[in-house]
């Protein structure tokens, strides 16, 4: 069955470039504040388009037992969200583009970037002009482009295995002057760890479970009780080790 390779949850791993204690603190902050942090991440490593960055938060829909390789880069601390709810908020799987199509992607990016820099609504152009773009069409193209990701990095690192999903800042709704007042809405957070970030509110019911290493089980139990969610032990759920060793 294909379902064994596709999870009904989207997992956000919190430990990239952090110690275990730092990773747990970030996980705890996300859960208690009910806020996901969005930061600028590159879509492409190619020198002709590497300046394309999207303000986003990333997930994977790989079942936990297949997440070992991902966790080697992104850590062993994760928050599993209900996929259908994240889809309602605007989460979408990325479109992986191979090197064969990179030249087309570069040309498309040049067009979007030029028009955005001009801040142009092309409806004022002559009706005889061959190509016309409304502001809505331009920004729709820009937002969709934010879901693209290169298939491989430097020919020896395959991004596709991550099965990435994203929530992008540009596609989330907001209410001017009201800040974050309901789940699924966005706002600017500011600088965090030297990076410009945004944030998105979610409901505690959106969390399916929390994944942590065995050593953090006791610390996590109180946190999980506050939001009535389950805990999964990384060594069991991902590495498949025998459960009696950990309880």
C-alpha atoms as a PDB file:
ATOM      1  CA  UNK A   1       0.000   0.000   0.000  1.00  0.00           C
ATOM      2  CA  UNK A   2       1.271   3.445  -0.890  1.00  0.00           C
ATOM      3  CA  UNK A   3      -0.046   4.823   2.424  1.00  0.00           C
ATOM      4  CA  UNK A   4       2.814   3.223   4.326  1.00  0.00           C
ATOM      5  CA  UNK A   5       5.122   5.765   2.662  1.00  0.00           C
ATOM      6  CA  UNK A   6       2.860   8.803   3.227  1.00  0.00           C
ATOM      7  CA  UNK A   7       2.016  10.084   6.697  1.00  0.00           C
ATOM      8  CA  UNK A   8      -1.228  11.744   7.731  1.00  0.00           C
ATOM      9  CA  UNK A   9       0.916  14.182   9.714  1.00  0.00           C
ATOM     10  CA  UNK A  10       3.460  16.842   8.804  1.00  0.00           C
ATOM     11  CA  UNK A  11       6.528  16.863  11.046  1.00  0.00           C
ATOM     12  CA  UNK A  12       8.536  20.005  11.737  1.00  0.00           C
ATOM     13  CA  UNK A  13      12.030  19.091  13.018  1.00  0.00           C
ATOM     14  CA  UNK A  14      13.568  21.758  15.262  1.00  0.00           C
ATOM     15  CA  UNK A  15      17.218  20.780  15.801  1.00  0.00           C
ATOM     16  CA  UNK A  16      19.266  21.836  12.777  1.00  0.00           C
ATOM     17  CA  UNK A  17      22.604  23.285  13.922  1.00  0.00           C
ATOM     18  CA  UNK A  18      21.577  23.162  17.597  1.00  0.00           C
ATOM     19  CA  UNK A  19      22.530  21.176  20.682  1.00  0.00           C
ATOM     20  CA  UNK A  20      19.935  18.826  22.160  1.00  0.00           C
ATOM     21  CA  UNK A  21      19.101  21.301  24.919  1.00  0.00           C
ATOM     22  CA  UNK A  22      18.729  24.149  22.419  1.00  0.00           C
ATOM     23  CA  UNK A  23      16.532  21.946  20.237  1.00  0.00           C
ATOM     24  CA  UNK A  24      14.264  21.089  23.145  1.00  0.00           C
ATOM     25  CA  UNK A  25      14.024  24.758  24.148  1.00  0.00           C
ATOM     26  CA  UNK A  26      12.963  25.670  20.605  1.00  0.00           C
ATOM     27  CA  UNK A  27      10.400  22.859  20.543  1.00  0.00           C
ATOM     28  CA  UNK A  28       9.037  23.964  23.923  1.00  0.00           C
ATOM     29  CA  UNK A  29       8.831  27.586  22.761  1.00  0.00           C
ATOM     30  CA  UNK A  30       6.841  26.619  19.653  1.00  0.00           C
ATOM     31  CA  UNK A  31       4.413  24.437  21.603  1.00  0.00           C
ATOM     32  CA  UNK A  32       3.784  26.822  24.506  1.00  0.00           C
ATOM     33  CA  UNK A  33       3.462  29.940  22.340  1.00  0.00           C
ATOM     34  CA  UNK A  34       1.472  28.115  19.627  1.00  0.00           C
ATOM     35  CA  UNK A  35       3.608  29.930  17.074  1.00  0.00           C
ATOM     36  CA  UNK A  36       5.597  28.548  14.166  1.00  0.00           C
ATOM     37  CA  UNK A  37       8.630  30.613  13.159  1.00  0.00           C
ATOM     38  CA  UNK A  38       9.244  31.298   9.471  1.00  0.00           C
ATOM     39  CA  UNK A  39      12.713  32.230   8.210  1.00  0.00           C
ATOM     40  CA  UNK A  40      14.293  32.920   4.825  1.00  0.00           C
ATOM     41  CA  UNK A  41      15.576  29.764   3.135  1.00  0.00           C
ATOM     42  CA  UNK A  42      17.125  29.438  -0.348  1.00  0.00           C
ATOM     43  CA  UNK A  43      15.127  27.654  -3.030  1.00  0.00           C
ATOM     44  CA  UNK A  44      18.161  27.017  -5.224  1.00  0.00           C
ATOM     45  CA  UNK A  45      21.903  26.681  -4.728  1.00  0.00           C
ATOM     46  CA  UNK A  46      22.700  27.459  -8.381  1.00  0.00           C
ATOM     47  CA  UNK A  47      24.780  30.626  -8.659  1.00  0.00           C
ATOM     48  CA  UNK A  48      22.386  32.150 -11.212  1.00  0.00           C
ATOM     49  CA  UNK A  49      19.398  31.989  -8.882  1.00  0.00           C
ATOM     50  CA  UNK A  50      20.750  31.476  -5.374  1.00  0.00           C
ATOM     51  CA  UNK A  51      19.385  34.844  -4.249  1.00  0.00           C
ATOM     52  CA  UNK A  52      15.847  33.412  -4.505  1.00  0.00           C
ATOM     53  CA  UNK A  53      14.817  32.961  -0.874  1.00  0.00           C
ATOM     54  CA  UNK A  54      11.395  32.353   0.600  1.00  0.00           C
ATOM     55  CA  UNK A  55      10.151  33.176   4.096  1.00  0.00           C
ATOM     56  CA  UNK A  56       8.878  29.747   5.095  1.00  0.00           C
ATOM     57  CA  UNK A  57       8.544  26.966   7.638  1.00  0.00           C
ATOM     58  CA  UNK A  58       9.221  23.431   6.455  1.00  0.00           C
ATOM     59  CA  UNK A  59       7.769  19.995   7.197  1.00  0.00           C
ATOM     60  CA  UNK A  60       8.013  16.448   5.884  1.00  0.00           C
ATOM     61  CA  UNK A  61       5.223  13.935   5.341  1.00  0.00           C
ATOM     62  CA  UNK A  62       7.552  10.936   5.533  1.00  0.00           C
ATOM     63  CA  UNK A  63       6.414   8.417   8.164  1.00  0.00           C
ATOM     64  CA  UNK A  64       8.688   8.607  11.218  1.00  0.00           C
ATOM     65  CA  UNK A  65      10.319   5.240  10.534  1.00  0.00           C
ATOM     66  CA  UNK A  66      11.765   6.675   7.297  1.00  0.00           C
ATOM     67  CA  UNK A  67      13.025   9.951   8.821  1.00  0.00           C
ATOM     68  CA  UNK A  68      16.497   8.782   9.908  1.00  0.00           C
ATOM     69  CA  UNK A  69      18.351  10.510   7.074  1.00  0.00           C
ATOM     70  CA  UNK A  70      16.391  13.732   7.537  1.00  0.00           C
ATOM     71  CA  UNK A  71      17.056  13.727  11.272  1.00  0.00           C
ATOM     72  CA  UNK A  72      20.789  13.382  10.662  1.00  0.00           C
ATOM     73  CA  UNK A  73      20.585  16.945   9.314  1.00  0.00           C
ATOM     74  CA  UNK A  74      17.607  18.424  11.168  1.00  0.00           C
ATOM     75  CA  UNK A  75      17.831  16.838  14.620  1.00  0.00           C
ATOM     76  CA  UNK A  76      15.814  14.424  16.724  1.00  0.00           C
ATOM     77  CA  UNK A  77      13.210  16.817  18.131  1.00  0.00           C
ATOM     78  CA  UNK A  78       9.990  17.153  16.172  1.00  0.00           C
ATOM     79  CA  UNK A  79       6.418  18.395  16.329  1.00  0.00           C
ATOM     80  CA  UNK A  80       3.945  16.357  14.328  1.00  0.00           C
ATOM     81  CA  UNK A  81       0.990  18.391  13.034  1.00  0.00           C
ATOM     82  CA  UNK A  82      -2.249  17.096  11.603  1.00  0.00           C
ATOM     83  CA  UNK A  83      -1.760  17.262   7.846  1.00  0.00           C
ATOM     84  CA  UNK A  84      -5.313  18.186   6.906  1.00  0.00           C
ATOM     85  CA  UNK A  85      -5.278  21.167   9.255  1.00  0.00           C
ATOM     86  CA  UNK A  86      -1.952  22.399   7.869  1.00  0.00           C
ATOM     87  CA  UNK A  87      -3.378  22.077   4.349  1.00  0.00           C
ATOM     88  CA  UNK A  88      -6.287  24.286   5.410  1.00  0.00           C
ATOM     89  CA  UNK A  89      -3.737  26.871   6.562  1.00  0.00           C
ATOM     90  CA  UNK A  90      -1.994  26.755   3.179  1.00  0.00           C
ATOM     91  CA  UNK A  91       0.687  24.058   3.502  1.00  0.00           C
ATOM     92  CA  UNK A  92       1.703  22.580   0.153  1.00  0.00           C
ATOM     93  CA  UNK A  93       4.249  19.992  -1.025  1.00  0.00           C
ATOM     94  CA  UNK A  94       7.141  21.596  -2.877  1.00  0.00           C
ATOM     95  CA  UNK A  95       7.652  21.251  -6.616  1.00  0.00           C
ATOM     96  CA  UNK A  96      11.079  19.675  -7.133  1.00  0.00           C
ATOM     97  CA  UNK A  97      12.736  20.854 -10.335  1.00  0.00           C
ATOM     98  CA  UNK A  98      15.622  18.977 -11.944  1.00  0.00           C
ATOM     99  CA  UNK A  99      18.673  20.465 -13.640  1.00  0.00           C
ATOM    100  CA  UNK A 100      17.071  19.714 -17.014  1.00  0.00           C
ATOM    101  CA  UNK A 101      14.537  22.503 -16.338  1.00  0.00           C
ATOM    102  CA  UNK A 102      16.806  24.899 -14.462  1.00  0.00           C
ATOM    103  CA  UNK A 103      17.291  27.324 -17.376  1.00  0.00           C
ATOM    104  CA  UNK A 104      13.519  27.781 -17.627  1.00  0.00           C
ATOM    105  CA  UNK A 105      13.310  28.347 -13.872  1.00  0.00           C
ATOM    106  CA  UNK A 106      16.064  30.985 -14.071  1.00  0.00           C
ATOM    107  CA  UNK A 107      14.288  32.845 -16.873  1.00  0.00           C
ATOM    108  CA  UNK A 108      10.999  32.718 -15.000  1.00  0.00           C
ATOM    109  CA  UNK A 109      12.674  34.060 -11.869  1.00  0.00           C
ATOM    110  CA  UNK A 110      14.246  36.926 -13.836  1.00  0.00           C
ATOM    111  CA  UNK A 111      10.809  37.905 -15.127  1.00  0.00           C
ATOM    112  CA  UNK A 112       9.159  37.795 -11.697  1.00  0.00           C
ATOM    113  CA  UNK A 113      12.035  39.693 -10.066  1.00  0.00           C
ATOM    114  CA  UNK A 114      12.035  42.427 -12.719  1.00  0.00           C
ATOM    115  CA  UNK A 115       8.293  42.994 -12.495  1.00  0.00           C
ATOM    116  CA  UNK A 116       8.333  42.976  -8.693  1.00  0.00           C
ATOM    117  CA  UNK A 117      11.168  45.499  -8.684  1.00  0.00           C
ATOM    118  CA  UNK A 118       9.137  47.743 -10.965  1.00  0.00           C
ATOM    119  CA  UNK A 119       6.102  47.269  -8.708  1.00  0.00           C
ATOM    120  CA  UNK A 120       4.070  47.370 -11.874  1.00  0.00           C
ATOM    121  CA  UNK A 121       0.404  46.792 -12.548  1.00  0.00           C
ATOM    122  CA  UNK A 122       0.527  46.114 -16.259  1.00  0.00           C
ATOM    123  CA  UNK A 123      -3.200  46.748 -16.821  1.00  0.00           C
ATOM    124  CA  UNK A 124      -2.386  50.331 -17.800  1.00  0.00           C
ATOM    125  CA  UNK A 125      -0.469  49.086 -20.858  1.00  0.00           C
ATOM    126  CA  UNK A 126      -1.932  49.284 -24.309  1.00  0.00           C
ATOM    127  CA  UNK A 127      -4.484  46.637 -25.182  1.00  0.00           C
ATOM    128  CA  UNK A 128      -2.363  45.904 -28.243  1.00  0.00           C
ATOM    129  CA  UNK A 129       0.541  44.755 -26.096  1.00  0.00           C
ATOM    130  CA  UNK A 130       1.141  41.038 -26.462  1.00  0.00           C
ATOM    131  CA  UNK A 131       1.726  40.208 -22.784  1.00  0.00           C
ATOM    132  CA  UNK A 132      -0.245  41.743 -19.959  1.00  0.00           C
ATOM    133  CA  UNK A 133      -0.107  40.979 -16.242  1.00  0.00           C
ATOM    134  CA  UNK A 134      -2.400  42.265 -13.538  1.00  0.00           C
ATOM    135  CA  UNK A 135      -0.973  42.848 -10.066  1.00  0.00           C
ATOM    136  CA  UNK A 136      -2.941  39.850  -8.768  1.00  0.00           C
ATOM    137  CA  UNK A 137      -1.543  37.606 -11.498  1.00  0.00           C
ATOM    138  CA  UNK A 138       2.001  38.778 -10.831  1.00  0.00           C
ATOM    139  CA  UNK A 139       1.854  38.178  -7.093  1.00  0.00           C
ATOM    140  CA  UNK A 140       0.106  34.830  -7.598  1.00  0.00           C
ATOM    141  CA  UNK A 141       3.002  33.747  -9.813  1.00  0.00           C
ATOM    142  CA  UNK A 142       5.480  34.984  -7.218  1.00  0.00           C
ATOM    143  CA  UNK A 143       3.742  33.069  -4.417  1.00  0.00           C
ATOM    144  CA  UNK A 144       3.525  29.805  -6.369  1.00  0.00           C
ATOM    145  CA  UNK A 145       7.204  30.123  -7.285  1.00  0.00           C
ATOM    146  CA  UNK A 146       7.972  30.088  -3.551  1.00  0.00           C
ATOM    147  CA  UNK A 147       7.016  26.411  -3.453  1.00  0.00           C
ATOM    148  CA  UNK A 148       9.771  25.346  -5.883  1.00  0.00           C
ATOM    149  CA  UNK A 149      12.922  23.540  -4.744  1.00  0.00           C
ATOM    150  CA  UNK A 150      15.851  22.093  -6.657  1.00  0.00           C
ATOM    151  CA  UNK A 151      15.860  18.310  -6.910  1.00  0.00           C
ATOM    152  CA  UNK A 152      19.554  17.922  -6.099  1.00  0.00           C
ATOM    153  CA  UNK A 153      22.305  20.032  -4.609  1.00  0.00           C
ATOM    154  CA  UNK A 154      25.810  19.915  -6.182  1.00  0.00           C
ATOM    155  CA  UNK A 155      24.817  16.652  -7.887  1.00  0.00           C
ATOM    156  CA  UNK A 156      25.517  14.556  -4.781  1.00  0.00           C
ATOM    157  CA  UNK A 157      22.867  15.727  -2.341  1.00  0.00           C
ATOM    158  CA  UNK A 158      19.276  14.813  -3.218  1.00  0.00           C
ATOM    159  CA  UNK A 159      16.649  17.130  -1.742  1.00  0.00           C
ATOM    160  CA  UNK A 160      13.799  14.981  -3.022  1.00  0.00           C
ATOM    161  CA  UNK A 161      14.211  12.391  -0.262  1.00  0.00           C
ATOM    162  CA  UNK A 162      13.072  14.990   2.299  1.00  0.00           C
ATOM    163  CA  UNK A 163       9.520  15.029   0.872  1.00  0.00           C
ATOM    164  CA  UNK A 164       9.222  18.645   1.895  1.00  0.00           C
ATOM    165  CA  UNK A 165       6.047  20.603   2.540  1.00  0.00           C
ATOM    166  CA  UNK A 166       5.970  24.353   3.219  1.00  0.00           C
ATOM    167  CA  UNK A 167       3.927  27.106   4.731  1.00  0.00           C
ATOM    168  CA  UNK A 168       5.069  30.316   3.033  1.00  0.00           C
ATOM    169  CA  UNK A 169       4.682  33.740   4.602  1.00  0.00           C
ATOM    170  CA  UNK A 170       3.424  35.304   1.366  1.00  0.00           C
ATOM    171  CA  UNK A 171       0.508  32.878   1.075  1.00  0.00           C
ATOM    172  CA  UNK A 172      -0.714  33.226   4.686  1.00  0.00           C
ATOM    173  CA  UNK A 173      -3.494  35.726   5.463  1.00  0.00           C
ATOM    174  CA  UNK A 174      -3.092  38.630   7.871  1.00  0.00           C
ATOM    175  CA  UNK A 175      -5.251  41.374   9.332  1.00  0.00           C
ATOM    176  CA  UNK A 176      -3.529  44.749   9.266  1.00  0.00           C
ATOM    177  CA  UNK A 177      -3.055  46.265  12.700  1.00  0.00           C
ATOM    178  CA  UNK A 178      -4.421  43.234  14.550  1.00  0.00           C
ATOM    179  CA  UNK A 179      -1.289  41.076  14.724  1.00  0.00           C
ATOM    180  CA  UNK A 180      -1.773  37.383  15.385  1.00  0.00           C
ATOM    181  CA  UNK A 181      -5.327  36.895  16.561  1.00  0.00           C
ATOM    182  CA  UNK A 182      -6.386  33.553  15.106  1.00  0.00           C
ATOM    183  CA  UNK A 183      -4.814  30.246  13.931  1.00  0.00           C
ATOM    184  CA  UNK A 184      -3.522  30.195  10.367  1.00  0.00           C
ATOM    185  CA  UNK A 185      -2.649  33.915  10.291  1.00  0.00           C
ATOM    186  CA  UNK A 186       0.782  35.496   9.885  1.00  0.00           C
ATOM    187  CA  UNK A 187       2.722  38.392  11.367  1.00  0.00           C
ATOM    188  CA  UNK A 188       6.296  39.738  11.434  1.00  0.00           C
ATOM    189  CA  UNK A 189       8.322  38.568  14.418  1.00  0.00           C
ATOM    190  CA  UNK A 190      11.645  40.327  13.735  1.00  0.00           C
ATOM    191  CA  UNK A 191      15.197  39.127  14.322  1.00  0.00           C
ATOM    192  CA  UNK A 192      15.678  35.720  15.986  1.00  0.00           C
ATOM    193  CA  UNK A 193      19.151  34.145  16.222  1.00  0.00           C
ATOM    194  CA  UNK A 194      20.404  36.732  13.731  1.00  0.00           C
ATOM    195  CA  UNK A 195      17.705  35.918  11.158  1.00  0.00           C
ATOM    196  CA  UNK A 196      14.689  37.925  10.071  1.00  0.00           C
ATOM    197  CA  UNK A 197      11.615  35.853  10.883  1.00  0.00           C
ATOM    198  CA  UNK A 198       7.866  35.787  10.602  1.00  0.00           C
ATOM    199  CA  UNK A 199       5.435  33.749  12.670  1.00  0.00           C
ATOM    200  CA  UNK A 200       2.165  31.876  12.253  1.00  0.00           C
ATOM    201  CA  UNK A 201      -0.321  31.001  14.966  1.00  0.00           C
ATOM    202  CA  UNK A 202      -1.718  27.470  15.243  1.00  0.00           C
ATOM    203  CA  UNK A 203      -4.204  25.818  17.606  1.00  0.00           C
ATOM    204  CA  UNK A 204      -2.975  23.342  20.206  1.00  0.00           C
ATOM    205  CA  UNK A 205      -5.399  20.806  18.717  1.00  0.00           C
ATOM    206  CA  UNK A 206      -3.362  20.930  15.492  1.00  0.00           C
ATOM    207  CA  UNK A 207      -0.537  18.998  17.186  1.00  0.00           C
ATOM    208  CA  UNK A 208      -0.712  15.239  16.772  1.00  0.00           C
ATOM    209  CA  UNK A 209       2.346  14.355  18.853  1.00  0.00           C
ATOM    210  CA  UNK A 210       5.787  15.482  20.014  1.00  0.00           C
ATOM    211  CA  UNK A 211       8.928  13.486  19.159  1.00  0.00           C
ATOM    212  CA  UNK A 212      11.933  13.655  21.490  1.00  0.00           C
ATOM    213  CA  UNK A 213      14.914  11.474  22.415  1.00  0.00           C
ATOM    214  CA  UNK A 214      14.468   9.201  25.436  1.00  0.00           C
ATOM    215  CA  UNK A 215      16.640  11.448  27.622  1.00  0.00           C
ATOM    216  CA  UNK A 216      14.042  14.235  27.315  1.00  0.00           C
ATOM    217  CA  UNK A 217      10.962  12.130  28.054  1.00  0.00           C
ATOM    218  CA  UNK A 218      10.366  13.438  31.589  1.00  0.00           C
ATOM    219  CA  UNK A 219      10.803  17.067  30.521  1.00  0.00           C
ATOM    220  CA  UNK A 220       8.317  16.524  27.712  1.00  0.00           C
ATOM    221  CA  UNK A 221       5.585  14.820  29.728  1.00  0.00           C
ATOM    222  CA  UNK A 222       4.497  18.030  31.453  1.00  0.00           C
ATOM    223  CA  UNK A 223       4.601  19.929  28.158  1.00  0.00           C
ATOM    224  CA  UNK A 224       2.479  17.284  26.398  1.00  0.00           C
ATOM    225  CA  UNK A 225      -0.037  17.250  29.251  1.00  0.00           C
ATOM    226  CA  UNK A 226      -0.646  20.982  28.788  1.00  0.00           C
ATOM    227  CA  UNK A 227      -1.879  20.460  25.237  1.00  0.00           C
ATOM    228  CA  UNK A 228      -3.194  16.891  25.588  1.00  0.00           C
ATOM    229  CA  UNK A 229      -0.990  15.341  22.902  1.00  0.00           C
ATOM    230  CA  UNK A 230       1.008  12.138  22.691  1.00  0.00           C
ATOM    231  CA  UNK A 231       4.779  11.727  22.971  1.00  0.00           C
ATOM    232  CA  UNK A 232       6.857   9.493  20.723  1.00  0.00           C
ATOM    233  CA  UNK A 233      10.391   8.471  21.629  1.00  0.00           C
ATOM    234  CA  UNK A 234      12.847   9.106  18.800  1.00  0.00           C
ATOM    235  CA  UNK A 235      14.819   5.923  19.416  1.00  0.00           C
ATOM    236  CA  UNK A 236      11.605   3.894  19.096  1.00  0.00           C
ATOM    237  CA  UNK A 237       9.632   5.764  16.425  1.00  0.00           C
ATOM    238  CA  UNK A 238      12.525   6.526  14.069  1.00  0.00           C
ATOM    239  CA  UNK A 239      15.296   4.085  14.916  1.00  0.00           C
ATOM    240  CA  UNK A 240      12.914   1.210  15.684  1.00  0.00           C
ATOM    241  CA  UNK A 241      14.665   0.115  18.867  1.00  0.00           C
ATOM    242  CA  UNK A 242      12.879  -2.139  21.342  1.00  0.00           C
ATOM    243  CA  UNK A 243      10.590  -0.099  23.596  1.00  0.00           C
ATOM    244  CA  UNK A 244      11.371  -1.857  26.904  1.00  0.00           C
ATOM    245  CA  UNK A 245      14.783  -0.205  26.955  1.00  0.00           C
ATOM    246  CA  UNK A 246      13.246   3.224  27.257  1.00  0.00           C
ATOM    247  CA  UNK A 247      10.358   3.014  29.745  1.00  0.00           C
END
